[in-house]
């Protein structure tokens, strides 16, 4: 494996700071009987926007920054999350992407964050030629209940760390922190789609993304719809790539959510139309609304897609 930054080591201070500031951030922290640390960011406690912002940076493996900024694109929804990274491929796909399937009994979650790169259970890591080494692990789970202790023990084992060196951060989608951390994946979904349409990941040099912060939904389905719509119809990203100019243009044209057959309706309606089967939805929908790709070889930029203010209002304002 090529020597690359350790997302585990870079994110460890961010995890410790989150725990240290738990009371201020309205989080709860406890440990299992065998020592694993559980951070509740919105189940039995309120959590908040700032907690969500920090969790984005943990998910990015210490290789990215998330900030709140004013957003004038949508009349009623004037706050956005802006994400930048030092290494978009490792930060977004090697760490932030929710790609580790975790289940036991009736519990199921997709693990995201730096701990994924320690376990490296997904074939994606072979393509990235990346596997992390760290003595501590952190994962973010978008769930509204605690994982079984036996599953927690297995996660620690798969990550190759002692249980007391494992931290699981739980972020229900309908919580404030959960809402923010999902919207903070706006750049990650673009990287994932670039991978899906077979653009060489090693040619993606840099990038950033912005998406509006929706009001949290009162229930999981509403929350999932709003957070997805924030990206699909309000998300904007820019990528800087190496290689021929025409291939940068092809990437720009292939990335936006408007390329999908399911584009044009709030995600909640799309999801219901597939009988709530997430995997029946067109995978090409999960990408930002507006995309700009710059070819570093010539400095020329290509833009495709468009915001959908009416769909944002329909989704957020319901």
Protein backbone atom coordinates (compact mmCIF):
# COMPACT_ATOMS: atom_id res chain seq x y z
CA UNK A 1 0.00 0.00 0.00
CA UNK A 2 1.23 3.50 -0.82
CA UNK A 3 2.01 5.60 2.26
CA UNK A 4 -0.92 7.96 2.81
CA UNK A 5 -2.23 10.02 5.73
CA UNK A 6 -3.75 8.07 8.63
CA UNK A 7 -7.39 9.09 8.97
CA UNK A 8 -7.49 7.35 12.35
CA UNK A 9 -4.59 9.30 13.80
CA UNK A 10 -5.65 12.61 12.26
CA UNK A 11 -9.21 12.34 13.54
CA UNK A 12 -8.36 11.06 17.04
CA UNK A 13 -7.86 14.57 18.52
CA UNK A 14 -11.21 15.62 17.02
CA UNK A 15 -12.94 12.67 18.69
CA UNK A 16 -11.34 13.50 22.05
CA UNK A 17 -12.37 17.16 21.73
CA UNK A 18 -15.95 16.12 20.95
CA UNK A 19 -16.03 13.97 24.09
CA UNK A 20 -14.37 16.68 26.18
CA UNK A 21 -17.00 19.21 25.10
CA UNK A 22 -19.93 16.81 25.33
CA UNK A 23 -21.84 18.77 27.97
CA UNK A 24 -21.55 22.02 26.03
CA UNK A 25 -22.59 20.27 22.82
CA UNK A 26 -25.57 18.55 24.52
CA UNK A 27 -24.13 15.08 23.96
CA UNK A 28 -24.05 12.07 26.29
CA UNK A 29 -21.02 9.82 26.66
CA UNK A 30 -20.79 6.45 28.37
CA UNK A 31 -18.98 3.14 28.03
CA UNK A 32 -20.04 -0.46 27.59
CA UNK A 33 -19.13 -3.00 30.24
CA UNK A 34 -16.06 -3.90 28.18
CA UNK A 35 -14.95 -0.31 27.66
CA UNK A 36 -16.16 0.84 24.24
CA UNK A 37 -17.16 4.51 24.24
CA UNK A 38 -20.63 5.48 23.02
CA UNK A 39 -21.42 9.09 22.10
CA UNK A 40 -25.14 9.84 21.88
CA UNK A 41 -25.61 12.82 19.55
CA UNK A 42 -29.40 12.90 19.47
CA UNK A 43 -31.18 9.82 20.86
CA UNK A 44 -31.69 10.51 24.58
CA UNK A 45 -30.15 13.98 24.40
CA UNK A 46 -30.74 17.00 22.16
CA UNK A 47 -27.34 17.38 20.47
CA UNK A 48 -27.08 20.30 18.05
CA UNK A 49 -25.80 21.89 14.87
CA UNK A 50 -22.26 22.45 16.15
CA UNK A 51 -22.01 18.81 17.20
CA UNK A 52 -23.05 17.85 13.68
CA UNK A 53 -20.40 20.11 12.18
CA UNK A 54 -17.70 18.52 14.29
CA UNK A 55 -18.95 15.03 13.43
CA UNK A 56 -18.56 15.86 9.73
CA UNK A 57 -14.88 16.60 10.34
CA UNK A 58 -14.47 13.32 12.24
CA UNK A 59 -16.15 11.48 9.36
CA UNK A 60 -13.68 13.13 6.96
CA UNK A 61 -10.86 11.53 8.93
CA UNK A 62 -9.23 14.79 9.96
CA UNK A 63 -8.58 15.57 6.29
CA UNK A 64 -11.43 18.05 5.86
CA UNK A 65 -13.12 21.07 7.35
CA UNK A 66 -16.80 21.88 7.70
CA UNK A 67 -18.12 25.39 8.28
CA UNK A 68 -21.52 27.06 8.43
CA UNK A 69 -22.06 29.94 6.05
CA UNK A 70 -24.86 32.20 4.88
CA UNK A 71 -26.72 30.94 1.82
CA UNK A 72 -28.81 33.31 -0.30
CA UNK A 73 -29.82 30.75 -2.93
CA UNK A 74 -33.03 29.66 -1.21
CA UNK A 75 -35.40 32.26 0.19
CA UNK A 76 -36.29 30.67 3.53
CA UNK A 77 -33.28 28.43 4.10
CA UNK A 78 -30.33 30.75 4.60
CA UNK A 79 -27.77 28.51 6.29
CA UNK A 80 -25.47 26.07 4.51
CA UNK A 81 -22.72 23.60 5.32
CA UNK A 82 -19.51 24.13 3.36
CA UNK A 83 -17.00 21.26 3.16
CA UNK A 84 -13.39 21.38 2.00
CA UNK A 85 -10.75 18.64 2.08
CA UNK A 86 -7.00 18.25 1.81
CA UNK A 87 -7.44 14.88 0.06
CA UNK A 88 -10.98 14.41 -1.27
CA UNK A 89 -10.63 10.77 -2.30
CA UNK A 90 -9.27 9.49 1.02
CA UNK A 91 -11.35 11.91 3.12
CA UNK A 92 -14.64 11.22 1.35
CA UNK A 93 -14.39 7.66 0.06
CA UNK A 94 -11.73 6.28 2.39
CA UNK A 95 -13.39 7.66 5.50
CA UNK A 96 -16.70 9.54 5.23
CA UNK A 97 -18.61 7.23 2.91
CA UNK A 98 -21.14 5.05 4.77
CA UNK A 99 -20.01 1.77 3.27
CA UNK A 100 -19.49 -0.69 6.14
CA UNK A 101 -22.59 -2.85 6.66
CA UNK A 102 -23.06 -3.70 10.35
CA UNK A 103 -25.87 -5.94 11.56
CA UNK A 104 -26.91 -8.28 14.34
CA UNK A 105 -30.44 -9.46 14.98
CA UNK A 106 -32.81 -6.59 14.21
CA UNK A 107 -30.03 -3.99 14.38
CA UNK A 108 -28.62 -2.65 11.14
CA UNK A 109 -26.42 0.34 10.36
CA UNK A 110 -23.95 1.53 7.77
CA UNK A 111 -20.72 2.57 9.40
CA UNK A 112 -18.92 5.69 8.25
CA UNK A 113 -15.82 7.46 9.43
CA UNK A 114 -12.16 6.64 9.96
CA UNK A 115 -12.69 3.23 11.57
CA UNK A 116 -13.75 1.88 8.18
CA UNK A 117 -10.20 2.23 6.90
CA UNK A 118 -8.87 0.09 9.74
CA UNK A 119 -11.24 -2.80 9.06
CA UNK A 120 -11.10 -2.28 5.26
CA UNK A 121 -13.98 -4.71 4.76
CA UNK A 122 -15.07 -3.13 1.46
CA UNK A 123 -13.50 -3.91 -1.92
CA UNK A 124 -13.29 -0.14 -2.40
CA UNK A 125 -10.11 -0.13 -0.30
CA UNK A 126 -8.35 -2.35 -2.79
CA UNK A 127 -9.14 0.18 -5.51
CA UNK A 128 -7.95 3.03 -3.30
CA UNK A 129 -4.81 1.06 -2.38
CA UNK A 130 -5.40 2.26 1.16
CA UNK A 131 -5.58 0.65 4.59
CA UNK A 132 -5.10 2.62 7.78
CA UNK A 133 -3.10 1.80 10.90
CA UNK A 134 -4.06 3.37 14.22
CA UNK A 135 -4.44 2.25 17.84
CA UNK A 136 -7.88 3.86 18.14
CA UNK A 137 -11.00 3.74 15.98
CA UNK A 138 -14.09 5.91 15.54
CA UNK A 139 -17.24 5.19 13.58
CA UNK A 140 -20.38 7.24 13.00
CA UNK A 141 -23.68 5.35 12.82
CA UNK A 142 -26.88 7.01 11.58
CA UNK A 143 -29.16 5.18 14.04
CA UNK A 144 -31.71 5.86 16.76
CA UNK A 145 -30.70 3.01 19.06
CA UNK A 146 -27.52 1.61 20.52
CA UNK A 147 -25.82 -1.37 18.83
CA UNK A 148 -25.72 -4.68 20.72
CA UNK A 149 -22.61 -5.11 22.86
CA UNK A 150 -21.63 -8.25 20.95
CA UNK A 151 -21.64 -6.29 17.68
CA UNK A 152 -19.61 -3.51 19.29
CA UNK A 153 -17.03 -6.10 20.35
CA UNK A 154 -16.89 -7.45 16.78
CA UNK A 155 -16.38 -3.94 15.37
CA UNK A 156 -13.41 -3.43 17.68
CA UNK A 157 -11.97 -6.79 16.65
CA UNK A 158 -12.41 -6.00 12.94
CA UNK A 159 -10.71 -2.64 13.44
CA UNK A 160 -7.84 -4.32 15.28
CA UNK A 161 -8.17 -2.14 18.40
CA UNK A 162 -8.94 -2.79 22.04
CA UNK A 163 -12.58 -2.15 22.93
CA UNK A 164 -11.63 0.77 25.16
CA UNK A 165 -10.05 2.40 22.09
CA UNK A 166 -13.29 2.25 20.06
CA UNK A 167 -15.69 5.21 19.89
CA UNK A 168 -19.11 4.94 18.26
CA UNK A 169 -20.96 8.20 17.56
CA UNK A 170 -24.72 7.75 17.15
CA UNK A 171 -26.55 10.35 15.04
CA UNK A 172 -30.28 9.82 14.39
CA UNK A 173 -31.29 11.31 11.04
CA UNK A 174 -34.07 13.36 12.66
CA UNK A 175 -31.70 15.02 15.14
CA UNK A 176 -29.99 18.36 14.59
CA UNK A 177 -26.54 16.74 14.56
CA UNK A 178 -27.75 13.96 12.28
CA UNK A 179 -29.26 16.43 9.83
CA UNK A 180 -26.02 18.41 9.57
CA UNK A 181 -23.72 15.40 9.23
CA UNK A 182 -25.81 13.97 6.37
CA UNK A 183 -25.85 17.29 4.49
CA UNK A 184 -22.09 17.43 5.03
CA UNK A 185 -21.75 14.48 2.63
CA UNK A 186 -22.41 16.70 -0.39
CA UNK A 187 -18.84 16.33 -1.70
CA UNK A 188 -18.69 12.64 -0.80
CA UNK A 189 -21.72 11.75 -2.95
CA UNK A 190 -20.05 13.46 -5.92
CA UNK A 191 -16.88 11.43 -5.37
CA UNK A 192 -18.92 8.26 -5.07
CA UNK A 193 -20.75 8.96 -8.32
CA UNK A 194 -17.46 9.81 -10.06
CA UNK A 195 -16.27 6.37 -8.97
CA UNK A 196 -19.51 4.76 -10.17
CA UNK A 197 -19.16 6.25 -13.65
CA UNK A 198 -15.53 5.08 -13.73
CA UNK A 199 -13.65 8.37 -13.63
CA UNK A 200 -10.09 7.59 -12.42
CA UNK A 201 -10.06 8.60 -8.77
CA UNK A 202 -6.31 9.25 -8.76
CA UNK A 203 -6.95 12.18 -11.10
CA UNK A 204 -9.20 14.01 -8.61
CA UNK A 205 -6.88 16.49 -6.93
CA UNK A 206 -9.13 18.76 -4.88
CA UNK A 207 -12.68 19.91 -4.34
CA UNK A 208 -15.31 21.51 -2.13
CA UNK A 209 -19.06 21.31 -1.63
CA UNK A 210 -21.96 23.29 -0.18
CA UNK A 211 -25.53 22.32 0.69
CA UNK A 212 -28.37 24.03 2.60
CA UNK A 213 -29.22 22.96 6.14
CA UNK A 214 -32.84 21.74 6.20
CA UNK A 215 -35.11 21.83 9.23
CA UNK A 216 -34.91 18.40 10.89
CA UNK A 217 -37.80 16.08 10.19
CA UNK A 218 -40.04 14.99 13.05
CA UNK A 219 -39.64 11.35 11.97
CA UNK A 220 -37.05 9.27 10.14
CA UNK A 221 -38.73 9.28 6.72
CA UNK A 222 -39.25 13.05 6.67
CA UNK A 223 -35.71 13.63 7.91
CA UNK A 224 -34.22 11.28 5.31
CA UNK A 225 -36.20 13.02 2.57
CA UNK A 226 -35.11 16.52 3.58
CA UNK A 227 -31.43 15.69 4.02
CA UNK A 228 -31.30 13.93 0.67
CA UNK A 229 -33.12 16.79 -1.06
CA UNK A 230 -30.65 19.28 0.42
CA UNK A 231 -27.94 17.57 -1.64
CA UNK A 232 -29.93 16.43 -4.69
CA UNK A 233 -31.64 19.78 -5.31
CA UNK A 234 -29.54 22.28 -3.36
CA UNK A 235 -26.04 20.83 -3.30
CA UNK A 236 -23.15 22.38 -5.23
CA UNK A 237 -19.65 20.97 -5.66
CA UNK A 238 -16.46 21.80 -7.52
CA UNK A 239 -13.76 19.33 -8.47
CA UNK A 240 -10.26 19.98 -9.82
CA UNK A 241 -8.98 17.14 -11.94
CA UNK A 242 -5.95 16.12 -13.95
CA UNK A 243 -6.13 14.76 -17.47
CA UNK A 244 -7.64 15.76 -20.81
CA UNK A 245 -10.06 18.67 -20.93
CA UNK A 246 -12.75 16.68 -22.73
CA UNK A 247 -12.78 14.09 -19.95
CA UNK A 248 -13.28 16.83 -17.36
CA UNK A 249 -16.27 17.98 -19.39
CA UNK A 250 -17.64 14.44 -19.57
CA UNK A 251 -17.30 14.12 -15.79
CA UNK A 252 -19.18 17.39 -15.23
CA UNK A 253 -22.00 16.28 -17.52
CA UNK A 254 -22.27 12.88 -15.85
CA UNK A 255 -22.33 13.97 -12.21
CA UNK A 256 -25.47 16.05 -11.45
CA UNK A 257 -28.58 14.48 -9.94
CA UNK A 258 -30.50 15.67 -13.03
CA UNK A 259 -28.96 12.77 -14.99
CA UNK A 260 -31.16 10.35 -13.02
CA UNK A 261 -34.54 9.03 -14.11
CA UNK A 262 -35.79 9.73 -10.57
CA UNK A 263 -34.86 13.42 -10.62
CA UNK A 264 -37.65 15.98 -10.28
CA UNK A 265 -39.57 14.90 -7.16
CA UNK A 266 -38.76 15.23 -3.45
CA UNK A 267 -36.85 12.16 -2.34
CA UNK A 268 -39.61 11.17 0.08
CA UNK A 269 -41.97 10.75 -2.86
CA UNK A 270 -39.39 8.82 -4.87
CA UNK A 271 -38.73 6.53 -1.90
CA UNK A 272 -42.44 5.88 -1.33
CA UNK A 273 -42.85 5.11 -5.03
CA UNK A 274 -40.40 2.24 -4.64
CA UNK A 275 -42.27 0.88 -1.58
CA UNK A 276 -39.53 2.25 0.68
CA UNK A 277 -36.87 0.07 -0.88
CA UNK A 278 -33.79 2.30 -0.89
CA UNK A 279 -31.88 0.03 -3.25
CA UNK A 280 -34.64 0.19 -5.87
CA UNK A 281 -34.03 3.92 -6.31
CA UNK A 282 -31.80 4.94 -9.20
CA UNK A 283 -28.31 5.19 -7.71
CA UNK A 284 -27.53 7.99 -10.17
CA UNK A 285 -29.89 10.29 -8.25
CA UNK A 286 -27.54 10.51 -5.28
CA UNK A 287 -25.33 13.38 -6.36
CA UNK A 288 -25.32 17.17 -6.07
CA UNK A 289 -27.60 19.47 -8.06
CA UNK A 290 -24.89 21.68 -9.56
CA UNK A 291 -21.39 20.57 -10.52
CA UNK A 292 -18.31 22.40 -11.81
CA UNK A 293 -15.25 20.46 -12.92
CA UNK A 294 -12.00 22.26 -13.72
CA UNK A 295 -9.32 20.68 -15.92
CA UNK A 296 -6.03 21.62 -14.28
CA UNK A 297 -4.16 21.04 -17.53
CA UNK A 298 -5.87 23.99 -19.23
CA UNK A 299 -7.70 25.85 -16.45
CA UNK A 300 -11.02 25.48 -18.25
CA UNK A 301 -14.13 24.78 -16.16
CA UNK A 302 -17.32 22.94 -17.09
CA UNK A 303 -20.63 23.36 -15.25
CA UNK A 304 -23.70 21.14 -15.42
CA UNK A 305 -26.96 20.76 -13.48
CA UNK A 306 -29.06 23.36 -11.69
CA UNK A 307 -30.56 24.20 -8.29
CA UNK A 308 -34.22 23.38 -7.78
CA UNK A 309 -35.61 26.05 -5.39
CA UNK A 310 -39.22 24.91 -5.81
CA UNK A 311 -38.33 21.35 -4.80
CA UNK A 312 -36.28 22.57 -1.84
CA UNK A 313 -39.28 24.62 -0.64
CA UNK A 314 -41.64 21.70 -1.20
CA UNK A 315 -39.39 19.38 0.80
CA UNK A 316 -38.24 21.70 3.59
CA UNK A 317 -41.46 23.67 4.01
CA UNK A 318 -43.87 20.78 4.45
